[in-house]
PDB file of all heavy atoms in Angstrom:
ATOM      1  N   GLN A   1     118.479  47.793 115.680  1.00  0.00           N
ATOM      2  CA  GLN A   1     118.050  49.070 116.134  1.00  0.00           C
ATOM      3  C   GLN A   1     117.931  49.159 117.668  1.00  0.00           C
ATOM      4  O   GLN A   1     117.426  50.132 118.130  1.00  0.00           O
ATOM      5  CB  GLN A   1     116.748  49.490 115.469  1.00  0.00           C
ATOM      6  CG  GLN A   1     116.875  49.746 113.956  1.00  0.00           C
ATOM      7  CD  GLN A   1     115.548  50.121 113.400  1.00  0.00           C
ATOM      8  OE1 GLN A   1     114.755  49.272 113.035  1.00  0.00           O
ATOM      9  NE2 GLN A   1     115.365  51.436 113.153  1.00  0.00           N
ATOM     10  N   MET A   2     118.517  48.176 118.323  1.00  0.00           N
ATOM     11  CA  MET A   2     118.475  48.142 119.756  1.00  0.00           C
ATOM     12  C   MET A   2     119.836  48.641 120.277  1.00  0.00           C
ATOM     13  O   MET A   2     120.916  48.180 119.899  1.00  0.00           O
ATOM     14  CB  MET A   2     118.173  46.743 120.325  1.00  0.00           C
ATOM     15  CG  MET A   2     116.882  46.141 119.796  1.00  0.00           C
ATOM     16  SD  MET A   2     115.420  47.191 120.048  1.00  0.00           S
ATOM     17  CE  MET A   2     115.319  47.312 121.853  1.00  0.00           C
ATOM     18  N   LEU A   3     119.783  49.601 121.191  1.00  0.00           N
ATOM     19  CA  LEU A   3     120.957  50.117 121.827  1.00  0.00           C
ATOM     20  C   LEU A   3     121.180  49.338 123.066  1.00  0.00           C
ATOM     21  O   LEU A   3     120.427  49.352 124.015  1.00  0.00           O
ATOM     22  CB  LEU A   3     120.789  51.642 122.131  1.00  0.00           C
ATOM     23  CG  LEU A   3     122.015  52.288 122.762  1.00  0.00           C
ATOM     24  CD1 LEU A   3     122.195  53.683 122.209  1.00  0.00           C
ATOM     25  CD2 LEU A   3     121.911  52.363 124.276  1.00  0.00           C
ATOM     26  N   SER A   4     122.303  48.612 123.128  1.00  0.00           N
ATOM     27  CA  SER A   4     122.659  47.793 124.314  1.00  0.00           C
ATOM     28  C   SER A   4     123.393  48.645 125.332  1.00  0.00           C
ATOM     29  O   SER A   4     124.129  49.593 124.982  1.00  0.00           O
ATOM     30  CB  SER A   4     123.520  46.619 123.914  1.00  0.00           C
ATOM     31  OG  SER A   4     122.891  45.813 122.985  1.00  0.00           O
ATOM     32  N   PHE A   5     123.257  48.289 126.646  1.00  0.00           N
ATOM     33  CA  PHE A   5     123.935  49.054 127.691  1.00  0.00           C
ATOM     34  C   PHE A   5     123.928  48.174 128.969  1.00  0.00           C
ATOM     35  O   PHE A   5     123.140  47.290 129.064  1.00  0.00           O
ATOM     36  CB  PHE A   5     123.251  50.366 127.937  1.00  0.00           C
ATOM     37  CG  PHE A   5     121.846  50.293 128.472  1.00  0.00           C
ATOM     38  CD1 PHE A   5     121.622  50.385 129.883  1.00  0.00           C
ATOM     39  CD2 PHE A   5     120.775  50.105 127.701  1.00  0.00           C
ATOM     40  CE1 PHE A   5     120.360  50.248 130.422  1.00  0.00           C
ATOM     41  CE2 PHE A   5     119.496  49.988 128.243  1.00  0.00           C
ATOM     42  CZ  PHE A   5     119.282  50.083 129.564  1.00  0.00           C
ATOM     43  N   LEU A   6     124.842  48.537 129.896  1.00  0.00           N
ATOM     44  CA  LEU A   6     124.881  47.955 131.175  1.00  0.00           C
ATOM     45  C   LEU A   6     124.520  48.910 132.259  1.00  0.00           C
ATOM     46  O   LEU A   6     124.192  48.519 133.443  1.00  0.00           O
ATOM     47  CB  LEU A   6     126.195  47.302 131.493  1.00  0.00           C
ATOM     48  CG  LEU A   6     126.580  46.043 130.744  1.00  0.00           C
ATOM     49  CD1 LEU A   6     127.859  45.446 131.287  1.00  0.00           C
ATOM     50  CD2 LEU A   6     125.462  44.981 130.703  1.00  0.00           C
ATOM     51  N   GLU A   7     124.708  50.215 132.004  1.00  0.00           N
ATOM     52  CA  GLU A   7     124.458  51.264 132.979  1.00  0.00           C
ATOM     53  C   GLU A   7     123.882  52.460 132.253  1.00  0.00           C
ATOM     54  O   GLU A   7     124.192  52.712 131.121  1.00  0.00           O
ATOM     55  CB  GLU A   7     125.727  51.688 133.685  1.00  0.00           C
ATOM     56  CG  GLU A   7     126.385  50.632 134.500  1.00  0.00           C
ATOM     57  CD  GLU A   7     127.623  51.036 135.299  1.00  0.00           C
ATOM     58  OE1 GLU A   7     128.187  52.035 134.956  1.00  0.00           O
ATOM     59  OE2 GLU A   7     127.955  50.372 136.217  1.00  0.00           O
ATOM     60  N   ASN A   8     123.055  53.223 133.009  1.00  0.00           N
ATOM     61  CA  ASN A   8     122.580  54.515 132.617  1.00  0.00           C
ATOM     62  C   ASN A   8     122.129  55.280 133.821  1.00  0.00           C
ATOM     63  O   ASN A   8     122.285  54.785 134.942  1.00  0.00           O
ATOM     64  CB  ASN A   8     121.516  54.426 131.520  1.00  0.00           C
ATOM     65  CG  ASN A   8     120.230  53.883 132.051  1.00  0.00           C
ATOM     66  OD1 ASN A   8     119.870  54.026 133.227  1.00  0.00           O
ATOM     67  ND2 ASN A   8     119.350  53.318 131.131  1.00  0.00           N
ATOM     68  N   HIS A   9     121.599  56.448 133.650  1.00  0.00           N
ATOM     69  CA  HIS A   9     121.284  57.283 134.767  1.00  0.00           C
ATOM     70  C   HIS A   9     120.080  56.713 135.591  1.00  0.00           C
ATOM     71  O   HIS A   9     119.856  57.213 136.752  1.00  0.00           O
ATOM     72  CB  HIS A   9     120.921  58.699 134.291  1.00  0.00           C
ATOM     73  CG  HIS A   9     119.709  58.765 133.466  1.00  0.00           C
ATOM     74  ND1 HIS A   9     119.683  58.375 132.119  1.00  0.00           N
ATOM     75  CD2 HIS A   9     118.406  59.060 133.782  1.00  0.00           C
ATOM     76  CE1 HIS A   9     118.445  58.469 131.668  1.00  0.00           C
ATOM     77  NE2 HIS A   9     117.620  58.950 132.639  1.00  0.00           N
ATOM     78  N   ASP A  10     119.344  55.780 135.127  1.00  0.00           N
ATOM     79  CA  ASP A  10     118.225  55.188 135.839  1.00  0.00           C
ATOM     80  C   ASP A  10     118.546  53.985 136.672  1.00  0.00           C
ATOM     81  O   ASP A  10     117.716  53.516 137.369  1.00  0.00           O
ATOM     82  CB  ASP A  10     117.081  54.873 134.900  1.00  0.00           C
ATOM     83  CG  ASP A  10     116.350  56.063 134.355  1.00  0.00           C
ATOM     84  OD1 ASP A  10     116.247  57.037 135.062  1.00  0.00           O
ATOM     85  OD2 ASP A  10     115.886  56.019 133.192  1.00  0.00           O
ATOM     86  N   GLU A  11     119.677  53.327 136.347  1.00  0.00           N
ATOM     87  CA  GLU A  11     119.945  52.068 136.928  1.00  0.00           C
ATOM     88  C   GLU A  11     121.134  52.076 137.856  1.00  0.00           C
ATOM     89  O   GLU A  11     122.010  52.963 137.844  1.00  0.00           O
ATOM     90  CB  GLU A  11     120.275  51.091 135.695  1.00  0.00           C
ATOM     91  CG  GLU A  11     119.199  51.011 134.661  1.00  0.00           C
ATOM     92  CD  GLU A  11     117.835  50.532 135.177  1.00  0.00           C
ATOM     93  OE1 GLU A  11     117.790  49.814 136.198  1.00  0.00           O
ATOM     94  OE2 GLU A  11     116.844  50.796 134.536  1.00  0.00           O
ATOM     95  N   LEU A  12     121.230  50.994 138.671  1.00  0.00           N
ATOM     96  CA  LEU A  12     122.373  50.859 139.596  1.00  0.00           C
ATOM     97  C   LEU A  12     123.688  50.736 138.820  1.00  0.00           C
ATOM     98  O   LEU A  12     123.699  50.213 137.759  1.00  0.00           O
ATOM     99  CB  LEU A  12     122.205  49.573 140.410  1.00  0.00           C
ATOM    100  CG  LEU A  12     121.102  49.569 141.499  1.00  0.00           C
ATOM    101  CD1 LEU A  12     120.984  48.184 142.047  1.00  0.00           C
ATOM    102  CD2 LEU A  12     121.413  50.531 142.562  1.00  0.00           C
ATOM    103  N   ARG A  13     124.705  51.219 139.413  1.00  0.00           N
ATOM    104  CA  ARG A  13     126.046  51.008 138.815  1.00  0.00           C
ATOM    105  C   ARG A  13     126.360  49.541 139.067  1.00  0.00           C
ATOM    106  O   ARG A  13     126.091  48.984 140.092  1.00  0.00           O
ATOM    107  CB  ARG A  13     127.096  51.868 139.513  1.00  0.00           C
ATOM    108  CG  ARG A  13     126.931  53.409 139.408  1.00  0.00           C
ATOM    109  CD  ARG A  13     126.841  53.919 137.974  1.00  0.00           C
ATOM    110  NE  ARG A  13     127.903  53.617 137.047  1.00  0.00           N
ATOM    111  CZ  ARG A  13     128.680  54.506 136.487  1.00  0.00           C
ATOM    112  NH1 ARG A  13     128.566  55.814 136.771  1.00  0.00           N
ATOM    113  NH2 ARG A  13     129.698  54.132 135.714  1.00  0.00           N
ATOM    114  N   VAL A  14     126.993  48.958 138.083  1.00  0.00           N
ATOM    115  CA  VAL A  14     127.315  47.536 138.138  1.00  0.00           C
ATOM    116  C   VAL A  14     128.214  47.205 139.328  1.00  0.00           C
ATOM    117  O   VAL A  14     128.020  46.239 139.999  1.00  0.00           O
ATOM    118  CB  VAL A  14     128.005  47.080 136.836  1.00  0.00           C
ATOM    119  CG1 VAL A  14     128.485  45.680 136.971  1.00  0.00           C
ATOM    120  CG2 VAL A  14     127.044  47.186 135.679  1.00  0.00           C
ATOM    121  N   ALA A  15     129.179  48.144 139.679  1.00  0.00           N
ATOM    122  CA  ALA A  15     130.119  47.894 140.760  1.00  0.00           C
ATOM    123  C   ALA A  15     129.482  48.210 142.144  1.00  0.00           C
ATOM    124  O   ALA A  15     130.122  47.872 143.131  1.00  0.00           O
ATOM    125  CB  ALA A  15     131.283  48.850 140.589  1.00  0.00           C
ATOM    126  N   SER A  16     128.246  48.619 142.167  1.00  0.00           N
ATOM    127  CA  SER A  16     127.609  48.937 143.480  1.00  0.00           C
ATOM    128  C   SER A  16     127.425  47.648 144.245  1.00  0.00           C
ATOM    129  O   SER A  16     127.253  46.550 143.651  1.00  0.00           O
ATOM    130  CB  SER A  16     126.307  49.678 143.310  1.00  0.00           C
ATOM    131  OG  SER A  16     125.365  48.836 142.768  1.00  0.00           O
ATOM    132  N   PRO A  17     127.380  47.737 145.595  1.00  0.00           N
ATOM    133  CA  PRO A  17     127.127  46.554 146.401  1.00  0.00           C
ATOM    134  C   PRO A  17     125.773  45.902 146.171  1.00  0.00           C
ATOM    135  O   PRO A  17     125.644  44.696 146.306  1.00  0.00           O
ATOM    136  CB  PRO A  17     127.164  47.070 147.877  1.00  0.00           C
ATOM    137  CG  PRO A  17     127.896  48.359 147.806  1.00  0.00           C
ATOM    138  CD  PRO A  17     127.659  48.910 146.393  1.00  0.00           C
ATOM    139  N   GLN A  18     124.803  46.679 145.658  1.00  0.00           N
ATOM    140  CA  GLN A  18     123.438  46.155 145.369  1.00  0.00           C
ATOM    141  C   GLN A  18     123.497  45.328 144.113  1.00  0.00           C
ATOM    142  O   GLN A  18     122.466  44.669 143.772  1.00  0.00           O
ATOM    143  CB  GLN A  18     122.411  47.240 145.297  1.00  0.00           C
ATOM    144  CG  GLN A  18     122.283  48.023 146.580  1.00  0.00           C
ATOM    145  CD  GLN A  18     123.298  49.138 146.735  1.00  0.00           C
ATOM    146  OE1 GLN A  18     124.136  49.328 145.891  1.00  0.00           O
ATOM    147  NE2 GLN A  18     123.213  49.862 147.813  1.00  0.00           N
ATOM    148  N   CYS A  19     124.499  45.403 143.325  1.00  0.00           N
ATOM    149  CA  CYS A  19     124.561  44.706 142.060  1.00  0.00           C
ATOM    150  C   CYS A  19     125.708  43.735 142.149  1.00  0.00           C
ATOM    151  O   CYS A  19     125.641  42.778 142.918  1.00  0.00           O
ATOM    152  CB  CYS A  19     124.688  45.661 140.831  1.00  0.00           C
ATOM    153  SG  CYS A  19     124.523  44.874 139.247  1.00  0.00           S
ATOM    154  N   CYS A  20     126.783  43.918 141.388  1.00  0.00           N
ATOM    155  CA  CYS A  20     127.924  42.976 141.388  1.00  0.00           C
ATOM    156  C   CYS A  20     128.885  43.172 142.465  1.00  0.00           C
ATOM    157  O   CYS A  20     129.549  42.297 142.980  1.00  0.00           O
ATOM    158  CB  CYS A  20     128.644  43.046 140.039  1.00  0.00           C
ATOM    159  SG  CYS A  20     127.707  42.459 138.679  1.00  0.00           S
ATOM    160  N   GLY A  21     129.043  44.425 142.869  1.00  0.00           N
ATOM    161  CA  GLY A  21     129.994  44.764 143.881  1.00  0.00           C
ATOM    162  C   GLY A  21     131.393  44.847 143.351  1.00  0.00           C
ATOM    163  O   GLY A  21     132.326  45.212 144.091  1.00  0.00           O
ATOM    164  N   ASP A  22     131.619  44.464 142.139  1.00  0.00           N
ATOM    165  CA  ASP A  22     132.934  44.468 141.481  1.00  0.00           C
ATOM    166  C   ASP A  22     132.705  44.725 140.033  1.00  0.00           C
ATOM    167  O   ASP A  22     132.032  43.898 139.339  1.00  0.00           O
ATOM    168  CB  ASP A  22     133.552  43.096 141.733  1.00  0.00           C
ATOM    169  CG  ASP A  22     134.934  42.930 141.070  1.00  0.00           C
ATOM    170  OD1 ASP A  22     135.341  43.806 140.300  1.00  0.00           O
ATOM    171  OD2 ASP A  22     135.584  41.926 141.306  1.00  0.00           O
ATOM    172  N   PRO A  23     133.305  45.771 139.510  1.00  0.00           N
ATOM    173  CA  PRO A  23     133.027  46.141 138.078  1.00  0.00           C
ATOM    174  C   PRO A  23     133.571  45.040 137.125  1.00  0.00           C
ATOM    175  O   PRO A  23     133.087  44.867 136.025  1.00  0.00           O
ATOM    176  CB  PRO A  23     133.818  47.421 137.905  1.00  0.00           C
ATOM    177  CG  PRO A  23     134.857  47.484 138.947  1.00  0.00           C
ATOM    178  CD  PRO A  23     134.172  46.749 140.121  1.00  0.00           C
ATOM    179  N   PHE A  24     134.588  44.286 137.556  1.00  0.00           N
ATOM    180  CA  PHE A  24     135.210  43.292 136.628  1.00  0.00           C
ATOM    181  C   PHE A  24     134.314  42.108 136.429  1.00  0.00           C
ATOM    182  O   PHE A  24     134.428  41.382 135.438  1.00  0.00           O
ATOM    183  CB  PHE A  24     136.607  42.899 137.128  1.00  0.00           C
ATOM    184  CG  PHE A  24     137.560  44.033 137.109  1.00  0.00           C
ATOM    185  CD1 PHE A  24     137.907  44.791 138.169  1.00  0.00           C
ATOM    186  CD2 PHE A  24     138.075  44.480 135.906  1.00  0.00           C
ATOM    187  CE1 PHE A  24     138.724  45.846 138.139  1.00  0.00           C
ATOM    188  CE2 PHE A  24     138.902  45.565 135.771  1.00  0.00           C
ATOM    189  CZ  PHE A  24     139.267  46.270 136.933  1.00  0.00           C
ATOM    190  N   LYS A  25     133.357  41.874 137.321  1.00  0.00           N
ATOM    191  CA  LYS A  25     132.405  40.782 137.179  1.00  0.00           C
ATOM    192  C   LYS A  25     131.448  41.051 135.994  1.00  0.00           C
ATOM    193  O   LYS A  25     130.852  40.156 135.444  1.00  0.00           O
ATOM    194  CB  LYS A  25     131.575  40.587 138.420  1.00  0.00           C
ATOM    195  CG  LYS A  25     132.407  39.975 139.584  1.00  0.00           C
ATOM    196  CD  LYS A  25     131.541  39.783 140.753  1.00  0.00           C
ATOM    197  CE  LYS A  25     132.311  39.134 141.884  1.00  0.00           C
ATOM    198  NZ  LYS A  25     131.527  38.943 143.128  1.00  0.00           N
ATOM    199  N   ALA A  26     131.364  42.306 135.565  1.00  0.00           N
ATOM    200  CA  ALA A  26     130.512  42.668 134.425  1.00  0.00           C
ATOM    201  C   ALA A  26     131.141  42.549 133.084  1.00  0.00           C
ATOM    202  O   ALA A  26     130.432  42.773 132.117  1.00  0.00           O
ATOM    203  CB  ALA A  26     129.954  44.093 134.685  1.00  0.00           C
ATOM    204  N   LEU A  27     132.364  42.208 133.068  1.00  0.00           N
ATOM    205  CA  LEU A  27     133.104  42.137 131.784  1.00  0.00           C
ATOM    206  C   LEU A  27     132.414  41.147 130.781  1.00  0.00           C
ATOM    207  O   LEU A  27     132.164  41.492 129.635  1.00  0.00           O
ATOM    208  CB  LEU A  27     134.565  41.834 131.906  1.00  0.00           C
ATOM    209  CG  LEU A  27     135.419  42.988 132.459  1.00  0.00           C
ATOM    210  CD1 LEU A  27     136.826  42.479 132.751  1.00  0.00           C
ATOM    211  CD2 LEU A  27     135.366  44.171 131.562  1.00  0.00           C
ATOM    212  N   PRO A  28     132.031  39.946 131.209  1.00  0.00           N
ATOM    213  CA  PRO A  28     131.352  39.010 130.257  1.00  0.00           C
ATOM    214  C   PRO A  28     129.988  39.632 129.730  1.00  0.00           C
ATOM    215  O   PRO A  28     129.691  39.481 128.578  1.00  0.00           O
ATOM    216  CB  PRO A  28     131.114  37.810 131.080  1.00  0.00           C
ATOM    217  CG  PRO A  28     132.120  37.813 132.133  1.00  0.00           C
ATOM    218  CD  PRO A  28     132.361  39.243 132.475  1.00  0.00           C
ATOM    219  N   ALA A  29     129.332  40.315 130.629  1.00  0.00           N
ATOM    220  CA  ALA A  29     128.053  40.931 130.241  1.00  0.00           C
ATOM    221  C   ALA A  29     128.242  42.057 129.218  1.00  0.00           C
ATOM    222  O   ALA A  29     127.504  42.285 128.261  1.00  0.00           O
ATOM    223  CB  ALA A  29     127.233  41.457 131.411  1.00  0.00           C
ATOM    224  N   MET A  30     129.324  42.824 129.388  1.00  0.00           N
ATOM    225  CA  MET A  30     129.669  43.863 128.434  1.00  0.00           C
ATOM    226  C   MET A  30     130.078  43.330 127.050  1.00  0.00           C
ATOM    227  O   MET A  30     129.652  43.873 126.072  1.00  0.00           O
ATOM    228  CB  MET A  30     130.827  44.765 128.995  1.00  0.00           C
ATOM    229  CG  MET A  30     130.965  46.094 128.198  1.00  0.00           C
ATOM    230  SD  MET A  30     129.480  47.030 128.312  1.00  0.00           S
ATOM    231  CE  MET A  30     129.898  48.341 127.194  1.00  0.00           C
ATOM    232  N   VAL A  31     130.696  42.169 127.100  1.00  0.00           N
ATOM    233  CA  VAL A  31     131.076  41.537 125.829  1.00  0.00           C
ATOM    234  C   VAL A  31     129.774  41.075 125.106  1.00  0.00           C
ATOM    235  O   VAL A  31     129.615  41.287 123.856  1.00  0.00           O
ATOM    236  CB  VAL A  31     131.981  40.288 126.029  1.00  0.00           C
ATOM    237  CG1 VAL A  31     132.081  39.496 124.773  1.00  0.00           C
ATOM    238  CG2 VAL A  31     133.345  40.839 126.499  1.00  0.00           C
ATOM    239  N   VAL A  32     128.840  40.537 125.841  1.00  0.00           N
ATOM    240  CA  VAL A  32     127.522  40.139 125.241  1.00  0.00           C
ATOM    241  C   VAL A  32     126.827  41.383 124.694  1.00  0.00           C
ATOM    242  O   VAL A  32     126.372  41.366 123.576  1.00  0.00           O
ATOM    243  CB  VAL A  32     126.682  39.380 126.296  1.00  0.00           C
ATOM    244  CG1 VAL A  32     125.220  39.171 125.771  1.00  0.00           C
ATOM    245  CG2 VAL A  32     127.299  38.051 126.651  1.00  0.00           C
ATOM    246  N   ALA A  33     126.751  42.422 125.536  1.00  0.00           N
ATOM    247  CA  ALA A  33     126.001  43.644 125.194  1.00  0.00           C
ATOM    248  C   ALA A  33     126.677  44.245 123.892  1.00  0.00           C
ATOM    249  O   ALA A  33     125.951  44.736 122.977  1.00  0.00           O
ATOM    250  CB  ALA A  33     126.056  44.712 126.247  1.00  0.00           C
ATOM    251  N   ALA A  34     127.939  44.160 123.719  1.00  0.00           N
ATOM    252  CA  ALA A  34     128.666  44.783 122.642  1.00  0.00           C
ATOM    253  C   ALA A  34     128.641  43.967 121.361  1.00  0.00           C
ATOM    254  O   ALA A  34     128.883  44.456 120.281  1.00  0.00           O
ATOM    255  CB  ALA A  34     130.075  45.123 123.014  1.00  0.00           C
ATOM    256  N   THR A  35     128.388  42.632 121.498  1.00  0.00           N
ATOM    257  CA  THR A  35     128.526  41.737 120.361  1.00  0.00           C
ATOM    258  C   THR A  35     127.236  41.007 119.956  1.00  0.00           C
ATOM    259  O   THR A  35     127.263  40.277 118.972  1.00  0.00           O
ATOM    260  CB  THR A  35     129.667  40.788 120.540  1.00  0.00           C
ATOM    261  OG1 THR A  35     129.373  39.899 121.666  1.00  0.00           O
ATOM    262  CG2 THR A  35     130.967  41.396 120.748  1.00  0.00           C
ATOM    263  N   ILE A  36     126.203  41.173 120.711  1.00  0.00           N
ATOM    264  CA  ILE A  36     124.947  40.380 120.468  1.00  0.00           C
ATOM    265  C   ILE A  36     124.225  40.806 119.180  1.00  0.00           C
ATOM    266  O   ILE A  36     123.428  40.099 118.672  1.00  0.00           O
ATOM    267  CB  ILE A  36     124.087  40.406 121.749  1.00  0.00           C
ATOM    268  CG1 ILE A  36     123.074  39.183 121.598  1.00  0.00           C
ATOM    269  CG2 ILE A  36     123.369  41.728 121.892  1.00  0.00           C
ATOM    270  CD1 ILE A  36     122.395  38.879 122.912  1.00  0.00           C
ATOM    271  N   SER A  37     124.475  42.089 118.770  1.00  0.00           N
ATOM    272  CA  SER A  37     123.870  42.544 117.557  1.00  0.00           C
ATOM    273  C   SER A  37     124.715  43.576 116.924  1.00  0.00           C
ATOM    274  O   SER A  37     125.829  43.845 117.375  1.00  0.00           O
ATOM    275  CB  SER A  37     122.539  43.234 117.967  1.00  0.00           C
ATOM    276  OG  SER A  37     122.745  44.498 118.515  1.00  0.00           O
ATOM    277  N   THR A  38     124.212  44.113 115.755  1.00  0.00           N
ATOM    278  CA  THR A  38     124.990  45.165 115.034  1.00  0.00           C
ATOM    279  C   THR A  38     124.503  46.554 115.537  1.00  0.00           C
ATOM    280  O   THR A  38     125.040  47.499 114.981  1.00  0.00           O
ATOM    281  CB  THR A  38     124.797  45.042 113.559  1.00  0.00           C
ATOM    282  OG1 THR A  38     123.382  45.083 113.265  1.00  0.00           O
ATOM    283  CG2 THR A  38     125.347  43.684 113.036  1.00  0.00           C
ATOM    284  N   GLY A  39     123.644  46.577 116.464  1.00  0.00           N
ATOM    285  CA  GLY A  39     123.193  47.896 117.003  1.00  0.00           C
ATOM    286  C   GLY A  39     124.222  48.483 117.853  1.00  0.00           C
ATOM    287  O   GLY A  39     125.247  47.861 118.275  1.00  0.00           O
ATOM    288  N   PRO A  40     124.129  49.726 118.227  1.00  0.00           N
ATOM    289  CA  PRO A  40     125.073  50.417 119.056  1.00  0.00           C
ATOM    290  C   PRO A  40     125.065  49.973 120.485  1.00  0.00           C
ATOM    291  O   PRO A  40     124.132  49.408 120.917  1.00  0.00           O
ATOM    292  CB  PRO A  40     124.602  51.945 118.978  1.00  0.00           C
ATOM    293  CG  PRO A  40     123.146  51.821 118.715  1.00  0.00           C
ATOM    294  CD  PRO A  40     122.938  50.620 117.874  1.00  0.00           C
ATOM    295  N   VAL A  41     126.170  50.205 121.157  1.00  0.00           N
ATOM    296  CA  VAL A  41     126.306  49.922 122.556  1.00  0.00           C
ATOM    297  C   VAL A  41     126.728  51.145 123.298  1.00  0.00           C
ATOM    298  O   VAL A  41     127.607  51.956 122.847  1.00  0.00           O
ATOM    299  CB  VAL A  41     127.320  48.751 122.831  1.00  0.00           C
ATOM    300  CG1 VAL A  41     128.710  49.064 122.351  1.00  0.00           C
ATOM    301  CG2 VAL A  41     127.312  48.333 124.288  1.00  0.00           C
ATOM    302  N   MET A  42     126.124  51.500 124.421  1.00  0.00           N
ATOM    303  CA  MET A  42     126.457  52.652 125.123  1.00  0.00           C
ATOM    304  C   MET A  42     127.440  52.378 126.295  1.00  0.00           C
ATOM    305  O   MET A  42     127.242  51.467 127.051  1.00  0.00           O
ATOM    306  CB  MET A  42     125.135  53.283 125.737  1.00  0.00           C
ATOM    307  CG  MET A  42     125.433  54.537 126.579  1.00  0.00           C
ATOM    308  SD  MET A  42     123.895  55.379 127.126  1.00  0.00           S
ATOM    309  CE  MET A  42     123.300  54.222 128.351  1.00  0.00           C
ATOM    310  N   VAL A  43     128.455  53.124 126.303  1.00  0.00           N
ATOM    311  CA  VAL A  43     129.432  53.095 127.421  1.00  0.00           C
ATOM    312  C   VAL A  43     129.121  54.305 128.233  1.00  0.00           C
ATOM    313  O   VAL A  43     129.195  55.444 127.738  1.00  0.00           O
ATOM    314  CB  VAL A  43     130.902  53.110 126.890  1.00  0.00           C
ATOM    315  CG1 VAL A  43     131.885  53.105 128.043  1.00  0.00           C
ATOM    316  CG2 VAL A  43     131.116  51.869 126.017  1.00  0.00           C
TER     317      VAL A  43
END
């Protein structure tokens, strides 16, 4: 019942300089978010 996500309206964009600076660096994290449970994942 946990909804996984990497971004939302309250958080920094992953590609922002204050975070990863490169959206492709977040791909492993997105795989984890999408497969760690059977709950939904938000894109």
